[in-house]
Amino acid sequence: MKKPNILFILTDDQGAWALNCAGTTDLHTPNIDRLAEKGVRFENFFCASPVCSPARASLMTGNIPSAHGVQDWLRGGNIDIQKFPELKDNPIFASEHSAIEYLKDQVTYTNVLSKNGYTCALSGKWHLGDSVNPQQGFSKWFTIARGGCEYYNGDMVYEGNIYFEKKYITDVITDKAIDFLEELSREDQPFYLGVHYTAPHSPWDEGNHPKEYIEKYRDCEFNILPDLPIHPWQVNTAPHGTGETRKDLLRGYYASITAMDHNIGRIIDYLEENGLTENTVIIFTSDNGMNMGHHGIWGKGNGTFPQNMFDTSVKVPFIVSHPAVIPQGVVSEQLVSQYDVFPTILDYVNIDISIYDRLPGKSIAETLKGKSVEEDKNIYIYDEYGPVRMIRNKQWKYIHRYPYGPHEFYNLVEDPDETENLYGQNEYMENIEKMKSDLENWFHEYVDPRIDGTKEPVTGYGQLRRGGIYSEGKKVHEESDKVKLNYQSK
């Protein structure tokens, strides 16, 4: 029997809370819930960085942002604008200069899969540079030129060309994914299909989503979600609001998820109708978390400045379904990170991972298969976003902002919503110092000092090119006057 196929569904800005099966019962996600019922859903799965491109790069490489060099979402390096003169005057491409393959020097799990007989296909968001050219083991390639796009009139890449798609982008990504499935299922070798949705990323105004999904939430009060005053660190460039504005934003966010859920159902149905379910493992997750009013914040890690590391920013859904192998209907409390995805996927399909033992993640393949594995009770989760770093276990969380702070420390057992910052209180200093020491030692082990994020002036407004010693003195990180004014007023 050939190795199992892999369907990897990746969403954009979907918090771990943003599923019906995760407790948000006024949100309709029947098809994703169906995956959870037929597999394992992790309650405590953490992104490597609470913004898209660094998190995606860590998913693919198993490395930390300060080792692969993608420190913020990629504003530049997505296309070579000189090769597309018709786009030069289009303002949406104003930050593009030359194409940069940000992961060129990295090993990704798709590259390893390809070398081990898998045909790898991508339908949807890449946002890791040089969008026009297939890379990292992918031979079938349908993506978005700038990384993200509007829900209508998206700038799409196919067969080396850029065109503007008039249809709803969630439908289009699914259509191409099913086209790829038809092609891949006719081949003898196993396949890996990445379906990378732009949903539920903004924009959330009604004109960006089909009316049927907007109307589904027309009378929803969204009482399940917190309704708080705007956080003082909120970045004003991000959509945010209270009252009726809050409802409008949540209506669009919910609608984008339910529209995506419908399309995920189309893919699941295709697998079932064509006899592919038995030998296909389905992985569902998101790049980073999302605050939709949580803590008074609208956005992810860069929804505030300084950037935040609240659990709502760093926890994402993670569901794995393969009924022929994986137990069904399991909810796991185990702490797992995006760093663990690289070794887990390869280990699951019986590819030797011993040569990647210098990576920070560990395989959870045996856990997925239902085998009893003793969990490390002292396991830590680490995150970074430029000069902001986090260390967390089941009880405590410490956030350090280099070089001047402010720093944070939370007791997650007594204060799971992270409302009381205990940093600076004498009774916790021994614990804080221990966690800070562990944080610095861990990052020291895995950081590439040539691209150390603590040295980068990341504002959350986008990365233009490779940083550190590779920048050739050029500007690496874009800054927003609104972000700087927001910070200076604090």
Protein backbone atom coordinates (compact mmCIF):
# COMPACT_ATOMS: atom_id res chain seq x y z
CA MET A 1 0.00 0.00 0.00
CA LYS A 2 1.36 3.43 -0.92
CA LYS A 3 2.09 6.04 1.70
CA PRO A 4 -0.95 8.05 2.84
CA ASN A 5 -1.95 11.16 0.96
CA ILE A 6 -1.90 14.42 2.91
CA LEU A 7 -4.50 17.19 2.68
CA PHE A 8 -3.29 20.23 4.61
CA ILE A 9 -5.93 22.95 5.08
CA LEU A 10 -4.49 26.24 6.34
CA THR A 11 -6.67 29.23 7.20
CA ASP A 12 -5.70 32.86 7.76
CA ASP A 13 -6.26 34.67 11.09
CA GLN A 14 -8.51 32.08 12.68
CA GLY A 15 -8.28 31.90 16.45
CA ALA A 16 -8.56 28.56 18.25
CA TRP A 17 -11.86 29.83 19.64
CA ALA A 18 -13.38 30.42 16.18
CA LEU A 19 -15.08 27.06 15.72
CA ASN A 20 -18.46 25.81 16.83
CA CYS A 21 -16.85 22.65 18.25
CA ALA A 22 -14.46 24.84 20.28
CA GLY A 23 -17.38 26.46 22.10
CA THR A 24 -18.36 29.39 19.89
CA THR A 25 -21.84 27.99 19.42
CA ASP A 26 -23.28 30.90 17.42
CA LEU A 27 -20.71 30.25 14.67
CA HIS A 28 -21.70 27.66 12.04
CA THR A 29 -18.81 25.32 11.12
CA PRO A 30 -20.47 21.93 10.51
CA ASN A 31 -17.81 20.58 8.15
CA ILE A 32 -14.81 21.49 10.27
CA ASP A 33 -16.71 20.06 13.23
CA ARG A 34 -17.13 16.90 11.16
CA LEU A 35 -13.35 16.66 10.86
CA ALA A 36 -13.03 17.04 14.64
CA GLU A 37 -15.58 14.27 15.18
CA LYS A 38 -13.51 11.98 12.96
CA GLY A 39 -10.13 12.79 14.46
CA VAL A 40 -8.19 14.59 17.18
CA ARG A 41 -8.71 18.26 18.03
CA PHE A 42 -6.03 20.01 20.07
CA GLU A 43 -7.15 22.64 22.56
CA ASN A 44 -3.62 23.99 23.08
CA PHE A 45 -1.91 24.37 19.72
CA PHE A 46 0.32 27.42 19.35
CA CYS A 47 1.65 29.32 16.37
CA ALA A 48 5.36 30.20 16.24
CA SER A 49 4.65 33.89 15.69
CA PRO A 50 1.30 35.72 15.86
CA VAL A 51 1.39 36.99 12.28
CA CYS A 52 1.07 35.17 8.96
CA SER A 53 4.38 34.93 7.08
CA PRO A 54 6.66 34.07 10.04
CA ALA A 55 4.15 31.47 11.25
CA ARG A 56 3.84 29.95 7.78
CA ALA A 57 7.61 29.82 7.38
CA SER A 58 7.92 28.05 10.74
CA LEU A 59 5.22 25.56 9.77
CA MET A 60 7.07 24.70 6.58
CA THR A 61 10.62 24.61 7.96
CA GLY A 62 10.19 23.62 11.60
CA ASN A 63 12.51 26.53 12.39
CA ILE A 64 11.98 29.66 14.47
CA PRO A 65 11.64 33.09 12.79
CA SER A 66 15.08 34.05 14.12
CA ALA A 67 16.50 31.10 12.18
CA HIS A 68 14.58 31.33 8.88
CA GLY A 69 14.56 35.14 8.80
CA VAL A 70 10.90 35.87 8.08
CA GLN A 71 10.12 38.27 10.94
CA ASP A 72 6.89 39.94 9.79
CA TRP A 73 4.25 39.59 7.10
CA LEU A 74 5.92 40.07 3.72
CA ARG A 75 5.13 43.45 2.25
CA GLY A 76 7.91 43.13 -0.34
CA GLY A 77 9.67 40.39 -2.28
CA ASN A 78 6.50 38.68 -3.46
CA ILE A 79 6.96 39.43 -7.16
CA ASP A 80 9.56 40.97 -9.48
CA ILE A 81 7.63 44.07 -10.50
CA GLN A 82 10.00 44.66 -13.44
CA LYS A 83 8.65 41.54 -15.11
CA PHE A 84 5.09 42.80 -14.89
CA PRO A 85 5.19 46.38 -16.23
CA GLU A 86 1.40 46.45 -16.48
CA LEU A 87 1.26 46.33 -12.66
CA LYS A 88 3.77 49.09 -11.90
CA ASP A 89 1.17 51.82 -11.57
CA ASN A 90 -1.21 49.70 -9.54
CA PRO A 91 -1.02 51.00 -5.95
CA ILE A 92 -1.53 47.56 -4.42
CA PHE A 93 1.92 46.61 -5.74
CA ALA A 94 3.65 49.79 -4.52
CA SER A 95 5.93 47.94 -2.07
CA GLU A 96 7.08 45.29 -4.55
CA HIS A 97 10.58 45.47 -6.01
CA SER A 98 12.29 42.16 -6.81
CA ALA A 99 11.18 38.61 -6.08
CA ILE A 100 12.81 37.06 -3.00
CA GLU A 101 12.61 33.34 -2.28
CA TYR A 102 12.75 33.78 1.49
CA LEU A 103 13.01 30.03 2.18
CA LYS A 104 15.64 29.32 -0.46
CA ASP A 105 18.26 28.27 2.11
CA GLN A 106 15.78 26.30 4.21
CA VAL A 107 14.58 22.69 4.12
CA THR A 108 10.80 22.41 4.15
CA TYR A 109 8.75 19.29 4.77
CA THR A 110 7.21 19.59 1.28
CA ASN A 111 10.71 19.51 -0.18
CA VAL A 112 11.40 16.33 1.79
CA LEU A 113 8.05 14.82 0.77
CA SER A 114 8.78 15.56 -2.88
CA LYS A 115 12.16 13.84 -2.64
CA ASN A 116 10.40 10.83 -1.13
CA GLY A 117 7.93 10.27 -3.95
CA TYR A 118 5.12 12.71 -3.15
CA THR A 119 3.58 15.01 -5.74
CA CYS A 120 3.03 18.35 -3.99
CA ALA A 121 0.36 20.85 -5.01
CA LEU A 122 -0.66 24.24 -3.61
CA SER A 123 -3.96 26.04 -4.03
CA GLY A 124 -4.17 29.32 -2.16
CA LYS A 125 -2.00 31.66 -0.13
CA TRP A 126 1.78 31.23 -0.12
CA HIS A 127 3.10 34.60 1.15
CA LEU A 128 6.68 33.42 1.56
CA GLY A 129 8.18 35.27 -1.37
CA ASP A 130 8.58 34.85 -5.13
CA SER A 131 4.94 33.93 -5.58
CA VAL A 132 5.19 33.45 -9.35
CA ASN A 133 7.59 30.52 -9.29
CA PRO A 134 6.81 27.10 -7.75
CA GLN A 135 9.32 26.18 -5.06
CA GLN A 136 10.02 23.91 -2.09
CA GLY A 137 8.94 20.70 -3.81
CA PHE A 138 5.66 21.97 -5.24
CA SER A 139 5.01 21.01 -8.86
CA LYS A 140 1.40 22.23 -9.06
CA TRP A 141 1.06 25.88 -8.10
CA PHE A 142 -1.92 28.23 -7.83
CA THR A 143 -1.45 31.15 -5.48
CA ILE A 144 -1.81 34.88 -4.83
CA ALA A 145 0.70 37.39 -6.16
CA ARG A 146 1.05 39.61 -3.07
CA GLY A 147 0.33 36.88 -0.55
CA GLY A 148 -3.09 38.09 0.57
CA CYS A 149 -5.85 39.71 -1.47
CA GLU A 150 -9.41 40.99 -1.45
CA TYR A 151 -12.22 38.42 -1.56
CA TYR A 152 -13.14 39.63 -5.04
CA ASN A 153 -10.73 40.72 -7.78
CA GLY A 154 -7.82 38.88 -6.20
CA ASP A 155 -4.40 39.00 -7.88
CA MET A 156 -3.85 35.34 -8.70
CA VAL A 157 -0.85 33.43 -10.03
CA TYR A 158 -1.16 30.43 -12.33
CA GLU A 159 1.40 29.01 -14.76
CA GLY A 160 3.67 32.03 -14.36
CA ASN A 161 1.00 34.63 -15.09
CA ILE A 162 -0.78 37.13 -12.84
CA TYR A 163 -4.45 37.80 -13.45
CA PHE A 164 -7.32 39.32 -11.49
CA GLU A 165 -10.05 36.88 -10.46
CA LYS A 166 -13.58 38.26 -10.31
CA LYS A 167 -15.10 35.32 -8.41
CA TYR A 168 -15.19 34.89 -4.62
CA ILE A 169 -11.66 33.84 -3.72
CA THR A 170 -12.69 31.14 -1.21
CA ASP A 171 -14.67 29.39 -3.95
CA VAL A 172 -11.84 29.81 -6.44
CA ILE A 173 -9.21 28.28 -4.12
CA THR A 174 -11.54 25.31 -3.58
CA ASP A 175 -12.28 24.90 -7.28
CA LYS A 176 -8.57 24.69 -8.09
CA ALA A 177 -7.96 22.34 -5.14
CA ILE A 178 -10.57 19.94 -6.49
CA ASP A 179 -9.05 20.23 -9.97
CA PHE A 180 -5.71 19.27 -8.47
CA LEU A 181 -7.31 16.36 -6.59
CA GLU A 182 -8.70 15.03 -9.85
CA GLU A 183 -5.21 15.15 -11.37
CA LEU A 184 -3.40 13.80 -8.31
CA SER A 185 -5.79 10.89 -7.75
CA ARG A 186 -4.94 9.55 -11.23
CA GLU A 187 -1.24 9.29 -10.38
CA ASP A 188 0.44 6.25 -8.81
CA GLN A 189 2.45 8.17 -6.21
CA PRO A 190 1.01 9.68 -3.04
CA PHE A 191 0.14 13.37 -2.96
CA TYR A 192 0.37 16.35 -0.67
CA LEU A 193 -2.23 19.06 -1.31
CA GLY A 194 -2.02 22.36 0.53
CA VAL A 195 -5.29 24.31 0.51
CA HIS A 196 -4.46 27.72 1.94
CA TYR A 197 -7.49 29.93 2.36
CA THR A 198 -7.33 33.70 2.83
CA ALA A 199 -10.41 33.45 5.08
CA PRO A 200 -11.17 34.65 7.65
CA HIS A 201 -8.68 37.51 7.18
CA SER A 202 -10.16 40.99 6.72
CA PRO A 203 -11.85 42.73 4.90
CA TRP A 204 -15.12 41.91 6.67
CA ASP A 205 -17.46 44.51 5.21
CA GLU A 206 -20.59 43.05 3.65
CA GLY A 207 -19.62 43.61 0.04
CA ASN A 208 -16.72 41.20 0.42
CA HIS A 209 -18.79 38.11 1.15
CA PRO A 210 -21.77 36.35 -0.46
CA LYS A 211 -25.07 37.66 0.86
CA GLU A 212 -26.28 34.25 2.04
CA TYR A 213 -23.48 34.04 4.60
CA ILE A 214 -23.83 37.62 5.78
CA GLU A 215 -27.58 37.18 6.24
CA LYS A 216 -27.00 34.04 8.31
CA TYR A 217 -25.66 36.33 11.04
CA ARG A 218 -27.87 39.37 10.45
CA ASP A 219 -29.63 39.04 13.81
CA CYS A 220 -26.76 37.50 15.76
CA GLU A 221 -25.89 39.41 18.94
CA PHE A 222 -22.44 37.76 19.26
CA ASN A 223 -22.93 37.53 23.01
CA ILE A 224 -20.49 34.65 23.29
CA LEU A 225 -17.57 36.95 22.51
CA PRO A 226 -16.31 39.66 24.89
CA ASP A 227 -17.57 43.21 24.38
CA LEU A 228 -14.82 45.39 25.87
CA PRO A 229 -13.49 48.94 25.49
CA ILE A 230 -10.76 49.30 22.90
CA HIS A 231 -7.33 48.36 24.26
CA PRO A 232 -5.00 51.36 24.66
CA TRP A 233 -2.37 49.64 22.49
CA GLN A 234 -4.79 49.04 19.61
CA VAL A 235 -3.26 49.94 16.24
CA ASN A 236 -5.66 52.34 14.60
CA THR A 237 -4.84 51.08 11.09
CA ALA A 238 -6.67 47.81 11.88
CA PRO A 239 -10.50 47.56 11.61
CA HIS A 240 -11.93 47.87 15.11
CA GLY A 241 -14.91 49.23 16.96
CA THR A 242 -17.64 48.90 19.52
CA GLY A 243 -21.43 48.87 19.37
CA GLU A 244 -22.88 48.39 15.90
CA THR A 245 -19.41 48.58 14.33
CA ARG A 246 -18.43 45.59 16.46
CA LYS A 247 -21.41 43.63 15.16
CA ASP A 248 -20.63 44.56 11.56
CA LEU A 249 -17.04 43.33 11.89
CA LEU A 250 -18.05 40.10 13.61
CA ARG A 251 -20.77 39.46 11.05
CA GLY A 252 -18.18 39.60 8.27
CA TYR A 253 -15.68 37.48 10.21
CA TYR A 254 -18.27 34.80 10.95
CA ALA A 255 -19.56 34.89 7.36
CA SER A 256 -16.07 34.36 5.94
CA ILE A 257 -15.57 31.31 8.18
CA THR A 258 -18.93 29.74 7.33
CA ALA A 259 -18.32 30.31 3.61
CA MET A 260 -14.94 28.63 3.98
CA ASP A 261 -16.47 25.79 6.00
CA HIS A 262 -18.92 25.15 3.15
CA ASN A 263 -15.99 24.86 0.75
CA ILE A 264 -14.08 22.56 3.07
CA GLY A 265 -17.19 20.37 2.97
CA ARG A 266 -16.92 20.27 -0.82
CA ILE A 267 -13.36 18.91 -0.54
CA ILE A 268 -14.27 16.34 2.11
CA ASP A 269 -17.20 15.19 -0.03
CA TYR A 270 -14.91 14.82 -3.04
CA LEU A 271 -12.52 12.61 -1.06
CA GLU A 272 -15.41 10.44 0.19
CA GLU A 273 -17.12 10.16 -3.19
CA ASN A 274 -13.90 9.14 -4.92
CA GLY A 275 -12.66 6.59 -2.41
CA LEU A 276 -9.76 8.71 -1.15
CA THR A 277 -10.72 9.02 2.50
CA GLU A 278 -9.25 5.71 3.62
CA ASN A 279 -5.71 6.67 2.62
CA THR A 280 -5.73 10.44 3.17
CA VAL A 281 -4.78 12.18 6.39
CA ILE A 282 -6.46 15.60 6.74
CA ILE A 283 -4.82 18.34 8.78
CA PHE A 284 -6.72 21.52 9.57
CA THR A 285 -5.09 24.53 11.20
CA SER A 286 -4.47 28.28 10.91
CA ASP A 287 -1.39 30.46 10.64
CA ASN A 288 -1.98 32.63 13.72
CA GLY A 289 -4.67 33.47 16.24
CA MET A 290 -7.05 36.41 16.22
CA ASN A 291 -8.62 38.84 18.65
CA MET A 292 -12.09 39.93 17.64
CA GLY A 293 -12.65 42.15 20.64
CA HIS A 294 -10.80 39.84 23.02
CA HIS A 295 -8.86 42.02 25.48
CA GLY A 296 -10.38 44.97 23.63
CA ILE A 297 -8.08 44.15 20.69
CA TRP A 298 -9.02 43.75 17.04
CA GLY A 299 -6.24 41.91 15.26
CA LYS A 300 -3.51 39.39 15.94
CA GLY A 301 -0.03 40.07 17.34
CA ASN A 302 0.26 43.27 15.33
CA GLY A 303 -3.22 44.40 16.29
CA THR A 304 -1.37 46.32 19.00
CA PHE A 305 1.89 48.16 19.26
CA PRO A 306 3.92 46.98 21.09
CA GLN A 307 2.93 43.60 19.67
CA ASN A 308 0.93 41.32 21.97
CA MET A 309 1.26 37.64 22.89
CA PHE A 310 -2.16 36.98 24.39
CA ASP A 311 -3.35 33.39 23.99
CA THR A 312 -6.03 34.60 21.62
CA SER A 313 -3.22 35.78 19.33
CA VAL A 314 -1.01 32.70 19.60
CA LYS A 315 -3.47 29.77 19.88
CA VAL A 316 -4.90 28.33 16.66
CA PRO A 317 -7.11 25.39 15.72
CA PHE A 318 -5.37 22.08 15.03
CA ILE A 319 -7.36 19.04 13.91
CA VAL A 320 -5.99 15.83 12.41
CA SER A 321 -8.33 13.26 10.88
CA HIS A 322 -7.50 9.88 9.38
CA PRO A 323 -10.20 7.44 10.54
CA ALA A 324 -8.30 4.41 9.27
CA VAL A 325 -5.45 5.15 11.69
CA ILE A 326 -6.32 7.95 14.14
CA PRO A 327 -8.88 7.60 16.98
CA GLN A 328 -12.04 9.62 16.45
CA GLY A 329 -13.70 12.29 18.56
CA VAL A 330 -10.66 12.94 20.76
CA VAL A 331 -9.98 16.34 22.33
CA SER A 332 -6.39 16.69 23.52
CA GLU A 333 -5.14 19.14 26.15
CA GLN A 334 -1.50 18.51 25.20
CA LEU A 335 0.63 21.58 24.50
CA VAL A 336 1.73 21.46 20.86
CA SER A 337 3.47 24.01 18.62
CA GLN A 338 3.80 24.72 14.92
CA TYR A 339 7.44 23.63 15.35
CA ASP A 340 6.10 20.11 15.82
CA VAL A 341 4.38 19.97 12.41
CA PHE A 342 7.51 19.40 10.31
CA PRO A 343 8.69 16.27 12.19
CA THR A 344 5.14 15.01 12.76
CA ILE A 345 4.15 14.97 9.08
CA LEU A 346 7.34 13.22 8.00
CA ASP A 347 7.23 10.75 10.87
CA TYR A 348 3.55 9.98 10.21
CA VAL A 349 4.36 8.85 6.67
CA ASN A 350 7.44 6.90 7.85
CA ILE A 351 10.15 9.20 6.57
CA ASP A 352 13.27 9.17 8.74
CA ILE A 353 13.42 12.39 10.81
CA SER A 354 16.64 11.62 12.72
CA ILE A 355 18.66 13.99 10.54
CA TYR A 356 16.42 16.86 11.65
CA ASP A 357 17.08 16.42 15.38
CA ARG A 358 18.52 19.93 15.62
CA LEU A 359 15.09 21.43 15.02
CA PRO A 360 13.14 22.58 18.08
CA GLY A 361 9.98 20.55 17.46
CA LYS A 362 9.07 16.98 18.30
CA SER A 363 6.90 14.48 16.42
CA ILE A 364 3.47 13.74 17.88
CA ALA A 365 2.75 11.04 15.28
CA GLU A 366 2.56 8.28 17.88
CA THR A 367 0.13 10.34 19.96
CA LEU A 368 -2.06 10.88 16.89
CA LYS A 369 -2.15 7.16 16.25
CA GLY A 370 -3.56 6.62 19.74
CA LYS A 371 -0.45 5.15 21.31
CA SER A 372 0.10 5.98 24.96
CA VAL A 373 2.98 8.45 25.21
CA GLU A 374 3.84 10.06 28.52
CA GLU A 375 3.47 13.82 28.22
CA ASP A 376 6.28 16.01 29.47
CA LYS A 377 4.64 17.88 32.33
CA ASN A 378 7.27 20.64 32.15
CA ILE A 379 6.86 21.33 28.45
CA TYR A 380 7.29 24.95 27.39
CA ILE A 381 5.87 26.74 24.37
CA TYR A 382 7.91 29.54 22.81
CA ASP A 383 6.84 32.36 20.52
CA GLU A 384 8.53 35.36 18.99
CA TYR A 385 7.55 38.42 16.98
CA GLY A 386 10.55 40.60 16.27
CA PRO A 387 11.84 41.82 19.66
CA VAL A 388 8.91 40.28 21.58
CA ARG A 389 9.36 36.77 22.98
CA MET A 390 7.15 34.47 25.03
CA ILE A 391 7.61 31.37 27.15
CA ARG A 392 4.55 29.49 28.43
CA ASN A 393 3.61 26.27 30.17
CA LYS A 394 0.23 25.12 31.46
CA GLN A 395 0.30 27.44 34.46
CA TRP A 396 2.58 30.38 33.74
CA LYS A 397 3.28 32.74 30.88
CA TYR A 398 6.15 35.23 30.65
CA ILE A 399 6.46 37.82 27.86
CA HIS A 400 9.69 39.76 27.39
CA ARG A 401 10.02 42.77 25.09
CA TYR A 402 13.62 43.60 24.19
CA PRO A 403 15.24 45.79 25.29
CA TYR A 404 13.00 47.98 27.47
CA GLY A 405 9.69 46.19 27.97
CA PRO A 406 6.96 46.38 29.04
CA HIS A 407 7.08 42.77 30.24
CA GLU A 408 4.18 40.57 31.36
CA PHE A 409 3.66 37.58 33.64
CA TYR A 410 0.40 35.65 34.08
CA ASN A 411 -0.93 32.81 36.19
CA LEU A 412 -2.98 30.98 33.57
CA VAL A 413 -4.65 28.64 36.05
CA GLU A 414 -6.11 31.42 38.20
CA ASP A 415 -6.34 33.97 35.38
CA PRO A 416 -6.91 32.15 32.06
CA ASP A 417 -8.07 35.37 30.35
CA GLU A 418 -4.77 37.11 31.15
CA THR A 419 -6.34 40.12 32.84
CA GLU A 420 -3.85 40.64 35.71
CA ASN A 421 -0.21 41.28 34.83
CA LEU A 422 1.84 40.03 37.80
CA TYR A 423 5.19 41.25 36.50
CA GLY A 424 7.12 43.25 39.08
CA GLN A 425 5.43 41.71 42.11
CA ASN A 426 8.12 40.46 44.50
CA GLU A 427 6.42 37.17 45.30
CA TYR A 428 6.75 36.06 41.65
CA MET A 429 10.29 37.28 40.91
CA GLU A 430 11.98 33.90 41.43
CA ASN A 431 9.56 32.26 38.99
CA ILE A 432 9.93 35.13 36.51
CA GLU A 433 13.72 34.95 36.62
CA LYS A 434 13.63 31.19 36.06
CA MET A 435 11.34 31.54 33.05
CA LYS A 436 13.37 34.40 31.60
CA SER A 437 16.51 32.31 31.95
CA ASP A 438 14.87 29.33 30.27
CA LEU A 439 13.57 31.58 27.47
CA GLU A 440 16.97 33.09 26.78
CA ASN A 441 18.76 29.73 26.86
CA TRP A 442 16.22 28.15 24.49
CA PHE A 443 16.43 30.96 21.95
CA HIS A 444 20.23 31.00 22.25
CA GLU A 445 20.19 27.36 21.12
CA TYR A 446 18.04 27.95 18.02
CA VAL A 447 18.66 31.56 16.93
CA ASP A 448 20.80 32.33 13.90
CA PRO A 449 22.65 35.44 15.16
CA ARG A 450 22.81 36.80 11.60
CA ILE A 451 19.01 37.29 11.61
CA ASP A 452 18.15 37.57 15.29
CA GLY A 453 14.68 39.08 15.62
CA THR A 454 15.51 40.97 18.80
CA LYS A 455 17.69 43.25 16.68
CA GLU A 456 14.95 44.01 14.17
CA PRO A 457 12.67 47.11 14.45
CA VAL A 458 9.52 45.12 13.69
CA THR A 459 6.38 47.26 13.92
CA GLY A 460 3.91 44.79 12.44
CA TYR A 461 3.57 46.87 9.29
CA GLY A 462 5.40 44.46 7.00
CA GLN A 463 8.81 43.19 5.95
CA LEU A 464 10.31 44.44 2.70
CA ARG A 465 13.35 42.19 2.25
CA ARG A 466 15.65 39.81 4.11
CA GLY A 467 16.94 41.26 7.34
CA GLY A 468 20.07 41.14 9.44
CA ILE A 469 23.33 40.88 7.53
CA TYR A 470 21.42 40.13 4.32
CA SER A 471 19.78 43.55 4.06
CA GLU A 472 22.80 45.27 2.45
CA GLY A 473 21.95 48.31 4.54
CA LYS A 474 18.53 48.71 2.94
CA LYS A 475 15.34 49.31 4.88
CA VAL A 476 13.91 45.97 6.02
CA HIS A 477 10.76 46.78 7.98
CA GLU A 478 8.06 49.22 6.95
CA GLU A 479 6.81 51.67 9.54
CA SER A 480 3.47 53.39 9.75
CA ASP A 481 3.23 56.95 11.02
CA LYS A 482 0.00 55.89 12.70
CA VAL A 483 1.78 53.04 14.47
CA LYS A 484 4.60 55.31 15.64
CA LEU A 485 2.21 57.98 16.85
CA ASN A 486 0.14 55.33 18.59
CA TYR A 487 3.26 54.14 20.43
CA GLN A 488 4.65 57.61 21.20
CA SER A 489 1.36 58.62 22.80
CA LYS A 490 1.57 55.81 25.38
